[in-house]
Amino acid sequence: MASRAKSIPSGGYQHRNPKVVHGRERNARGALTLHPSHPAVVEGRTLFAKSVVYAEESPRLLVSGFNQRKVGKTVTKGAWKGMPIYTLTLEERATCPTSCKQWLSCYGNNMHWSRRHRLDEDLIVHLWIELAEKARDHPDGFVVRAHILGDFGSPDNPELALAYVAMWREALAELPQLRMFSYTAHDPDGEIGSKILALNYEFAERCRVRFSGLDIGAHGAVVVESLAESRHVVCPAQTDATDCCATCALCWSMDRTIEFLRHG
């Protein structure tokens, strides 16, 4: 008699996959750390080159948070309660400043299954179209968790990065239904980072981008090695105080620096 393969249980209403499968936490292993001489590091790209697609090749840029266990499908608390969440994934390292403290140990090193989108002018056009469509579909509001992987663009191509940030500003200005939260490794005092920071102030109720590695209150996010090192609030989803972003809301509503436990 043929053996039956183990089935993976449903993750419930908020996400497709459960946190624990057969007694083992999904993605429990730490992020793979690459050697500084690794081609993906030297060339500033993902470890999984075949996973990168152009916008016109992708079935969609914005994907339901239901597909991301740590994000979730619909916000359940706070000012954004009831709004569906969508995610956007770009290419790690290729769209990030080399100053990122996770340049070698990016969690994307483990995410071989993720579809990454190449940041170019066509993506900016396609993303605007999808955002406008979502605004029509969700007149009461929707949320985008930008950059599951990736960032607002590489400083090596500042014109493209600034055009991409400008697209987000235009979208927030013209689409009142849009909410957005994300993280960035850009310097808030730099040419690109200052434009990103300005989004937080201009659209304070609808946009929150936190600057990774900086302890700067409402706009900061840092990595800690253990709970004993915590000075602020560790991501409640990492401590099992809540399920996922959708059931938490702290990253876009709290005025304190958010802390993340280092993976692994």
C-alpha atoms as a PDB file:
ATOM      1  CA  MET A   1       0.000   0.000   0.000  1.00  0.00           C
ATOM      2  CA  ALA A   2       1.417   3.345  -1.017  1.00  0.00           C
ATOM      3  CA  SER A   3       2.331   5.655   1.838  1.00  0.00           C
ATOM      4  CA  ARG A   4       0.319   8.833   2.176  1.00  0.00           C
ATOM      5  CA  ALA A   5       2.176  12.120   1.983  1.00  0.00           C
ATOM      6  CA  LYS A   6       1.759  14.391   4.991  1.00  0.00           C
ATOM      7  CA  SER A   7      -0.622  17.228   4.284  1.00  0.00           C
ATOM      8  CA  ILE A   8       0.116  20.786   5.350  1.00  0.00           C
ATOM      9  CA  PRO A   9      -2.775  22.228   7.366  1.00  0.00           C
ATOM     10  CA  SER A  10      -4.442  25.498   6.462  1.00  0.00           C
ATOM     11  CA  GLY A  11      -3.073  28.683   7.955  1.00  0.00           C
ATOM     12  CA  GLY A  12      -6.597  29.937   8.630  1.00  0.00           C
ATOM     13  CA  TYR A  13      -8.375  33.099   7.552  1.00  0.00           C
ATOM     14  CA  GLN A  14      -5.373  35.443   7.558  1.00  0.00           C
ATOM     15  CA  HIS A  15      -2.758  33.430   5.678  1.00  0.00           C
ATOM     16  CA  ARG A  16      -2.467  30.379   3.471  1.00  0.00           C
ATOM     17  CA  ASN A  17       0.245  28.642   5.489  1.00  0.00           C
ATOM     18  CA  PRO A  18       0.354  27.883   9.232  1.00  0.00           C
ATOM     19  CA  LYS A  19       3.234  28.963  11.445  1.00  0.00           C
ATOM     20  CA  VAL A  20       3.843  25.448  12.732  1.00  0.00           C
ATOM     21  CA  VAL A  21       3.757  22.358  10.504  1.00  0.00           C
ATOM     22  CA  HIS A  22       4.033  18.887  12.052  1.00  0.00           C
ATOM     23  CA  GLY A  23       5.454  20.344  15.250  1.00  0.00           C
ATOM     24  CA  ARG A  24       8.140  22.434  13.523  1.00  0.00           C
ATOM     25  CA  GLU A  25       7.989  26.168  12.934  1.00  0.00           C
ATOM     26  CA  ARG A  26       8.032  27.075   9.257  1.00  0.00           C
ATOM     27  CA  ASN A  27      11.231  28.878   8.210  1.00  0.00           C
ATOM     28  CA  ALA A  28      12.675  28.223  11.649  1.00  0.00           C
ATOM     29  CA  ARG A  29      16.235  28.136  10.367  1.00  0.00           C
ATOM     30  CA  GLY A  30      18.127  31.397  10.271  1.00  0.00           C
ATOM     31  CA  ALA A  31      18.816  33.384   7.142  1.00  0.00           C
ATOM     32  CA  LEU A  32      21.672  32.072   5.034  1.00  0.00           C
ATOM     33  CA  THR A  33      24.691  34.387   5.321  1.00  0.00           C
ATOM     34  CA  LEU A  34      26.697  34.725   2.129  1.00  0.00           C
ATOM     35  CA  HIS A  35      30.454  35.194   1.945  1.00  0.00           C
ATOM     36  CA  PRO A  36      31.493  38.721   0.867  1.00  0.00           C
ATOM     37  CA  SER A  37      33.061  37.218  -2.260  1.00  0.00           C
ATOM     38  CA  HIS A  38      29.879  35.426  -3.336  1.00  0.00           C
ATOM     39  CA  PRO A  39      28.801  36.524  -6.864  1.00  0.00           C
ATOM     40  CA  ALA A  40      25.341  37.570  -5.614  1.00  0.00           C
ATOM     41  CA  VAL A  41      27.005  39.890  -3.100  1.00  0.00           C
ATOM     42  CA  VAL A  42      29.648  41.258  -5.449  1.00  0.00           C
ATOM     43  CA  GLU A  43      27.154  41.801  -8.271  1.00  0.00           C
ATOM     44  CA  GLY A  44      24.453  43.167  -5.987  1.00  0.00           C
ATOM     45  CA  ARG A  45      21.660  40.771  -6.901  1.00  0.00           C
ATOM     46  CA  THR A  46      19.497  38.001  -5.525  1.00  0.00           C
ATOM     47  CA  LEU A  47      20.821  34.502  -5.007  1.00  0.00           C
ATOM     48  CA  PHE A  48      17.975  33.255  -7.237  1.00  0.00           C
ATOM     49  CA  ALA A  49      18.437  35.066 -10.550  1.00  0.00           C
ATOM     50  CA  LYS A  50      15.778  33.007 -12.346  1.00  0.00           C
ATOM     51  CA  SER A  51      13.124  34.259  -9.915  1.00  0.00           C
ATOM     52  CA  VAL A  52      13.411  37.856 -11.191  1.00  0.00           C
ATOM     53  CA  VAL A  53      10.830  38.908 -13.772  1.00  0.00           C
ATOM     54  CA  TYR A  54       9.967  42.104 -15.613  1.00  0.00           C
ATOM     55  CA  ALA A  55       6.646  43.739 -14.750  1.00  0.00           C
ATOM     56  CA  GLU A  56       5.106  42.873 -18.109  1.00  0.00           C
ATOM     57  CA  GLU A  57       5.962  39.202 -17.558  1.00  0.00           C
ATOM     58  CA  SER A  58       4.276  39.039 -14.166  1.00  0.00           C
ATOM     59  CA  PRO A  59       0.650  38.017 -13.680  1.00  0.00           C
ATOM     60  CA  ARG A  60       0.413  40.744 -11.023  1.00  0.00           C
ATOM     61  CA  LEU A  61       2.701  42.957  -8.962  1.00  0.00           C
ATOM     62  CA  LEU A  62       0.426  43.299  -5.941  1.00  0.00           C
ATOM     63  CA  VAL A  63      -0.293  39.971  -4.253  1.00  0.00           C
ATOM     64  CA  SER A  64      -2.707  39.322  -1.391  1.00  0.00           C
ATOM     65  CA  GLY A  65      -1.082  39.225   2.034  1.00  0.00           C
ATOM     66  CA  PHE A  66      -2.909  35.906   2.432  1.00  0.00           C
ATOM     67  CA  ASN A  67       0.077  34.398   0.624  1.00  0.00           C
ATOM     68  CA  GLN A  68       2.555  35.740   3.205  1.00  0.00           C
ATOM     69  CA  ARG A  69       2.331  34.012   6.584  1.00  0.00           C
ATOM     70  CA  LYS A  70       3.881  36.964   8.403  1.00  0.00           C
ATOM     71  CA  VAL A  71       1.688  39.592   6.737  1.00  0.00           C
ATOM     72  CA  GLY A  72      -1.903  38.369   6.612  1.00  0.00           C
ATOM     73  CA  LYS A  73      -4.987  39.107   4.552  1.00  0.00           C
ATOM     74  CA  THR A  74      -7.044  41.816   6.304  1.00  0.00           C
ATOM     75  CA  VAL A  75      -6.250  44.356   9.034  1.00  0.00           C
ATOM     76  CA  THR A  76      -8.236  43.572  12.182  1.00  0.00           C
ATOM     77  CA  LYS A  77      -7.475  46.534  14.444  1.00  0.00           C
ATOM     78  CA  GLY A  78      -6.678  50.224  14.487  1.00  0.00           C
ATOM     79  CA  ALA A  79      -7.430  52.982  11.987  1.00  0.00           C
ATOM     80  CA  TRP A  80      -6.881  50.644   9.013  1.00  0.00           C
ATOM     81  CA  LYS A  81      -9.211  47.934  10.345  1.00  0.00           C
ATOM     82  CA  GLY A  82     -11.065  46.028   7.648  1.00  0.00           C
ATOM     83  CA  MET A  83      -8.670  46.956   4.838  1.00  0.00           C
ATOM     84  CA  PRO A  84      -7.164  44.168   2.723  1.00  0.00           C
ATOM     85  CA  ILE A  85      -3.371  43.934   2.552  1.00  0.00           C
ATOM     86  CA  TYR A  86      -1.372  43.440  -0.628  1.00  0.00           C
ATOM     87  CA  THR A  87       2.359  42.852  -0.901  1.00  0.00           C
ATOM     88  CA  LEU A  88       4.998  43.909  -3.418  1.00  0.00           C
ATOM     89  CA  THR A  89       8.299  42.072  -3.866  1.00  0.00           C
ATOM     90  CA  LEU A  90      11.323  43.521  -5.658  1.00  0.00           C
ATOM     91  CA  GLU A  91      14.825  42.096  -6.028  1.00  0.00           C
ATOM     92  CA  GLU A  92      16.933  42.170  -2.896  1.00  0.00           C
ATOM     93  CA  ARG A  93      20.366  43.818  -3.122  1.00  0.00           C
ATOM     94  CA  ALA A  94      19.691  45.063  -6.677  1.00  0.00           C
ATOM     95  CA  THR A  95      17.300  47.678  -5.244  1.00  0.00           C
ATOM     96  CA  CYS A  96      19.066  48.216  -1.921  1.00  0.00           C
ATOM     97  CA  PRO A  97      21.921  50.414  -0.690  1.00  0.00           C
ATOM     98  CA  THR A  98      25.088  48.429   0.058  1.00  0.00           C
ATOM     99  CA  SER A  99      25.037  50.016   3.523  1.00  0.00           C
ATOM    100  CA  CYS A 100      22.183  47.689   4.491  1.00  0.00           C
ATOM    101  CA  LYS A 101      23.260  45.810   7.612  1.00  0.00           C
ATOM    102  CA  GLN A 102      21.616  42.640   6.258  1.00  0.00           C
ATOM    103  CA  TRP A 103      23.420  42.817   2.879  1.00  0.00           C
ATOM    104  CA  LEU A 104      25.049  39.410   3.445  1.00  0.00           C
ATOM    105  CA  SER A 105      22.335  37.811   5.582  1.00  0.00           C
ATOM    106  CA  CYS A 106      19.195  39.066   3.811  1.00  0.00           C
ATOM    107  CA  TYR A 107      16.280  36.746   4.534  1.00  0.00           C
ATOM    108  CA  GLY A 108      15.731  36.628   0.797  1.00  0.00           C
ATOM    109  CA  ASN A 109      18.673  34.211   0.739  1.00  0.00           C
ATOM    110  CA  ASN A 110      16.166  31.612   1.971  1.00  0.00           C
ATOM    111  CA  MET A 111      13.255  32.632  -0.263  1.00  0.00           C
ATOM    112  CA  HIS A 112      13.893  30.688  -3.445  1.00  0.00           C
ATOM    113  CA  TRP A 113      10.148  30.415  -4.186  1.00  0.00           C
ATOM    114  CA  SER A 114       9.406  34.161  -4.219  1.00  0.00           C
ATOM    115  CA  ARG A 115       8.737  35.974  -7.491  1.00  0.00           C
ATOM    116  CA  ARG A 116      10.857  39.110  -7.548  1.00  0.00           C
ATOM    117  CA  HIS A 117      10.120  42.061  -9.825  1.00  0.00           C
ATOM    118  CA  ARG A 118      12.816  44.035 -11.586  1.00  0.00           C
ATOM    119  CA  LEU A 119      12.648  47.730 -10.776  1.00  0.00           C
ATOM    120  CA  ASP A 120      12.621  49.774 -13.979  1.00  0.00           C
ATOM    121  CA  GLU A 121      10.475  52.435 -15.639  1.00  0.00           C
ATOM    122  CA  ASP A 122       7.985  49.827 -16.865  1.00  0.00           C
ATOM    123  CA  LEU A 123       7.435  48.562 -13.327  1.00  0.00           C
ATOM    124  CA  ILE A 124       6.653  52.087 -12.162  1.00  0.00           C
ATOM    125  CA  VAL A 125       3.992  52.388 -14.878  1.00  0.00           C
ATOM    126  CA  HIS A 126       2.503  48.943 -14.219  1.00  0.00           C
ATOM    127  CA  LEU A 127       2.485  49.496 -10.451  1.00  0.00           C
ATOM    128  CA  TRP A 128       0.615  52.781 -10.811  1.00  0.00           C
ATOM    129  CA  ILE A 129      -2.025  51.026 -12.927  1.00  0.00           C
ATOM    130  CA  GLU A 130      -2.463  48.259 -10.342  1.00  0.00           C
ATOM    131  CA  LEU A 131      -2.665  50.745  -7.460  1.00  0.00           C
ATOM    132  CA  ALA A 132      -5.386  52.674  -9.297  1.00  0.00           C
ATOM    133  CA  GLU A 133      -7.268  49.422  -9.919  1.00  0.00           C
ATOM    134  CA  LYS A 134      -7.065  48.466  -6.252  1.00  0.00           C
ATOM    135  CA  ALA A 135      -8.337  51.928  -5.300  1.00  0.00           C
ATOM    136  CA  ARG A 136     -11.413  51.364  -7.468  1.00  0.00           C
ATOM    137  CA  ASP A 137     -11.891  47.858  -6.061  1.00  0.00           C
ATOM    138  CA  HIS A 138     -11.564  49.007  -2.430  1.00  0.00           C
ATOM    139  CA  PRO A 139     -13.245  52.406  -1.996  1.00  0.00           C
ATOM    140  CA  ASP A 140     -12.945  52.082   1.798  1.00  0.00           C
ATOM    141  CA  GLY A 141      -9.200  51.610   1.609  1.00  0.00           C
ATOM    142  CA  PHE A 142      -6.453  49.054   1.079  1.00  0.00           C
ATOM    143  CA  VAL A 143      -2.920  48.540   2.369  1.00  0.00           C
ATOM    144  CA  VAL A 144       0.308  47.781   0.524  1.00  0.00           C
ATOM    145  CA  ARG A 145       3.194  46.179   2.383  1.00  0.00           C
ATOM    146  CA  ALA A 146       5.873  47.375   0.005  1.00  0.00           C
ATOM    147  CA  HIS A 147       9.064  45.408  -0.444  1.00  0.00           C
ATOM    148  CA  ILE A 148       8.750  42.001   1.153  1.00  0.00           C
ATOM    149  CA  LEU A 149      12.171  41.891  -0.457  1.00  0.00           C
ATOM    150  CA  GLY A 150      14.054  44.822  -1.921  1.00  0.00           C
ATOM    151  CA  ASP A 151      14.017  48.555  -1.252  1.00  0.00           C
ATOM    152  CA  PHE A 152      13.208  51.861  -2.939  1.00  0.00           C
ATOM    153  CA  GLY A 153      16.046  51.529  -5.442  1.00  0.00           C
ATOM    154  CA  SER A 154      19.810  51.461  -5.558  1.00  0.00           C
ATOM    155  CA  PRO A 155      21.871  54.620  -4.980  1.00  0.00           C
ATOM    156  CA  ASP A 156      23.838  53.474  -8.047  1.00  0.00           C
ATOM    157  CA  ASN A 157      20.829  54.575 -10.125  1.00  0.00           C
ATOM    158  CA  PRO A 158      19.503  57.584  -8.234  1.00  0.00           C
ATOM    159  CA  GLU A 159      17.311  58.811 -11.100  1.00  0.00           C
ATOM    160  CA  LEU A 160      15.356  55.556 -11.135  1.00  0.00           C
ATOM    161  CA  ALA A 161      15.120  55.390  -7.336  1.00  0.00           C
ATOM    162  CA  LEU A 162      13.877  58.983  -7.089  1.00  0.00           C
ATOM    163  CA  ALA A 163      11.335  58.346  -9.864  1.00  0.00           C
ATOM    164  CA  TYR A 164      10.095  55.297  -7.953  1.00  0.00           C
ATOM    165  CA  VAL A 165       9.737  57.246  -4.690  1.00  0.00           C
ATOM    166  CA  ALA A 166       7.991  60.015  -6.624  1.00  0.00           C
ATOM    167  CA  MET A 167       5.495  57.452  -7.962  1.00  0.00           C
ATOM    168  CA  TRP A 168       4.605  56.492  -4.383  1.00  0.00           C
ATOM    169  CA  ARG A 169       4.134  60.147  -3.486  1.00  0.00           C
ATOM    170  CA  GLU A 170       1.877  60.687  -6.487  1.00  0.00           C
ATOM    171  CA  ALA A 171      -0.122  57.565  -5.688  1.00  0.00           C
ATOM    172  CA  LEU A 172      -0.630  58.591  -2.057  1.00  0.00           C
ATOM    173  CA  ALA A 173      -1.658  62.085  -3.163  1.00  0.00           C
ATOM    174  CA  GLU A 174      -4.109  60.964  -5.850  1.00  0.00           C
ATOM    175  CA  LEU A 175      -5.456  57.756  -4.315  1.00  0.00           C
ATOM    176  CA  PRO A 176      -6.888  58.491  -0.859  1.00  0.00           C
ATOM    177  CA  GLN A 177      -7.800  54.814  -0.509  1.00  0.00           C
ATOM    178  CA  LEU A 178      -4.103  53.832  -0.439  1.00  0.00           C
ATOM    179  CA  ARG A 179      -2.189  53.017   2.748  1.00  0.00           C
ATOM    180  CA  MET A 180       1.422  51.868   2.622  1.00  0.00           C
ATOM    181  CA  PHE A 181       4.005  50.574   5.089  1.00  0.00           C
ATOM    182  CA  SER A 182       7.533  49.372   4.492  1.00  0.00           C
ATOM    183  CA  TYR A 183      11.160  49.432   5.649  1.00  0.00           C
ATOM    184  CA  THR A 184      14.240  50.903   4.034  1.00  0.00           C
ATOM    185  CA  ALA A 185      17.996  50.787   4.488  1.00  0.00           C
ATOM    186  CA  HIS A 186      18.433  54.229   2.916  1.00  0.00           C
ATOM    187  CA  ASP A 187      19.881  57.046   5.015  1.00  0.00           C
ATOM    188  CA  PRO A 188      17.052  59.432   5.999  1.00  0.00           C
ATOM    189  CA  ASP A 189      19.486  62.313   5.475  1.00  0.00           C
ATOM    190  CA  GLY A 190      20.507  61.136   2.001  1.00  0.00           C
ATOM    191  CA  GLU A 191      19.175  62.164  -1.395  1.00  0.00           C
ATOM    192  CA  ILE A 192      16.812  59.187  -1.696  1.00  0.00           C
ATOM    193  CA  GLY A 193      16.155  58.583   1.988  1.00  0.00           C
ATOM    194  CA  SER A 194      15.062  62.161   2.624  1.00  0.00           C
ATOM    195  CA  LYS A 195      12.380  61.816  -0.053  1.00  0.00           C
ATOM    196  CA  ILE A 196      11.201  58.576   1.565  1.00  0.00           C
ATOM    197  CA  LEU A 197      11.094  60.186   5.008  1.00  0.00           C
ATOM    198  CA  ALA A 198       9.055  63.060   3.582  1.00  0.00           C
ATOM    199  CA  LEU A 199       6.295  60.579   2.711  1.00  0.00           C
ATOM    200  CA  ASN A 200       5.879  59.789   6.415  1.00  0.00           C
ATOM    201  CA  TYR A 201       5.295  63.437   7.245  1.00  0.00           C
ATOM    202  CA  GLU A 202       3.175  64.413   4.251  1.00  0.00           C
ATOM    203  CA  PHE A 203       0.919  61.363   4.570  1.00  0.00           C
ATOM    204  CA  ALA A 204       1.271  60.694   8.281  1.00  0.00           C
ATOM    205  CA  GLU A 205      -2.063  58.861   8.622  1.00  0.00           C
ATOM    206  CA  ARG A 206      -1.583  56.686   5.546  1.00  0.00           C
ATOM    207  CA  CYS A 207       2.125  55.958   5.165  1.00  0.00           C
ATOM    208  CA  ARG A 208       4.828  54.635   7.462  1.00  0.00           C
ATOM    209  CA  VAL A 209       8.271  53.687   6.211  1.00  0.00           C
ATOM    210  CA  ARG A 210      10.690  52.690   8.950  1.00  0.00           C
ATOM    211  CA  PHE A 211      14.445  53.107   8.583  1.00  0.00           C
ATOM    212  CA  SER A 212      16.259  49.865   9.313  1.00  0.00           C
ATOM    213  CA  GLY A 213      19.068  49.979  11.822  1.00  0.00           C
ATOM    214  CA  LEU A 214      18.049  53.348  13.273  1.00  0.00           C
ATOM    215  CA  ASP A 215      16.575  53.909  16.730  1.00  0.00           C
ATOM    216  CA  ILE A 216      14.542  56.985  15.810  1.00  0.00           C
ATOM    217  CA  GLY A 217      11.140  56.379  17.323  1.00  0.00           C
ATOM    218  CA  ALA A 218       8.160  56.282  14.966  1.00  0.00           C
ATOM    219  CA  HIS A 219      10.407  56.005  11.914  1.00  0.00           C
ATOM    220  CA  GLY A 220      12.907  53.456  13.257  1.00  0.00           C
ATOM    221  CA  ALA A 221      13.437  49.699  13.214  1.00  0.00           C
ATOM    222  CA  VAL A 222      16.351  47.760  14.681  1.00  0.00           C
ATOM    223  CA  VAL A 223      17.470  44.143  14.989  1.00  0.00           C
ATOM    224  CA  VAL A 224      18.212  42.717  18.433  1.00  0.00           C
ATOM    225  CA  GLU A 225      19.910  39.432  19.238  1.00  0.00           C
ATOM    226  CA  SER A 226      17.554  38.473  22.077  1.00  0.00           C
ATOM    227  CA  LEU A 227      14.601  39.665  24.124  1.00  0.00           C
ATOM    228  CA  ALA A 228      17.046  40.603  26.885  1.00  0.00           C
ATOM    229  CA  GLU A 229      18.460  43.328  24.609  1.00  0.00           C
ATOM    230  CA  SER A 230      15.068  44.908  23.957  1.00  0.00           C
ATOM    231  CA  ARG A 231      14.701  48.601  24.803  1.00  0.00           C
ATOM    232  CA  HIS A 232      11.422  49.198  22.988  1.00  0.00           C
ATOM    233  CA  VAL A 233       8.889  46.738  21.514  1.00  0.00           C
ATOM    234  CA  VAL A 234       9.869  43.482  19.839  1.00  0.00           C
ATOM    235  CA  CYS A 235       7.670  42.529  16.873  1.00  0.00           C
ATOM    236  CA  PRO A 236       4.683  40.847  18.579  1.00  0.00           C
ATOM    237  CA  ALA A 237       4.404  38.280  15.786  1.00  0.00           C
ATOM    238  CA  GLN A 238       7.915  37.064  16.660  1.00  0.00           C
ATOM    239  CA  THR A 239       7.026  36.614  20.322  1.00  0.00           C
ATOM    240  CA  ASP A 240       3.644  34.982  19.569  1.00  0.00           C
ATOM    241  CA  ALA A 241       1.821  37.914  21.171  1.00  0.00           C
ATOM    242  CA  THR A 242      -0.114  38.213  17.914  1.00  0.00           C
ATOM    243  CA  ASP A 243      -0.421  36.289  14.671  1.00  0.00           C
ATOM    244  CA  CYS A 244       0.837  38.559  11.885  1.00  0.00           C
ATOM    245  CA  CYS A 245       0.975  42.164  10.633  1.00  0.00           C
ATOM    246  CA  ALA A 246      -2.765  42.155   9.936  1.00  0.00           C
ATOM    247  CA  THR A 247      -3.591  41.404  13.577  1.00  0.00           C
ATOM    248  CA  CYS A 248      -0.974  43.773  15.023  1.00  0.00           C
ATOM    249  CA  ALA A 249      -0.756  47.202  13.311  1.00  0.00           C
ATOM    250  CA  LEU A 250       2.123  48.475  15.481  1.00  0.00           C
ATOM    251  CA  CYS A 251       4.569  49.084  12.619  1.00  0.00           C
ATOM    252  CA  TRP A 252       2.328  51.734  11.066  1.00  0.00           C
ATOM    253  CA  SER A 253       0.781  53.143  14.230  1.00  0.00           C
ATOM    254  CA  MET A 254       3.314  53.039  17.080  1.00  0.00           C
ATOM    255  CA  ASP A 255       5.511  56.061  17.859  1.00  0.00           C
ATOM    256  CA  ARG A 256       8.353  53.925  19.252  1.00  0.00           C
ATOM    257  CA  THR A 257      11.127  52.079  17.453  1.00  0.00           C
ATOM    258  CA  ILE A 258      10.119  48.557  16.501  1.00  0.00           C
ATOM    259  CA  GLU A 259      12.585  45.749  17.177  1.00  0.00           C
ATOM    260  CA  PHE A 260      13.017  42.466  15.321  1.00  0.00           C
ATOM    261  CA  LEU A 261      14.723  39.386  16.682  1.00  0.00           C
ATOM    262  CA  ARG A 262      17.537  38.289  14.401  1.00  0.00           C
ATOM    263  CA  HIS A 263      16.414  35.283  12.366  1.00  0.00           C
ATOM    264  CA  GLY A 264      17.958  32.093  13.674  1.00  0.00           C
END
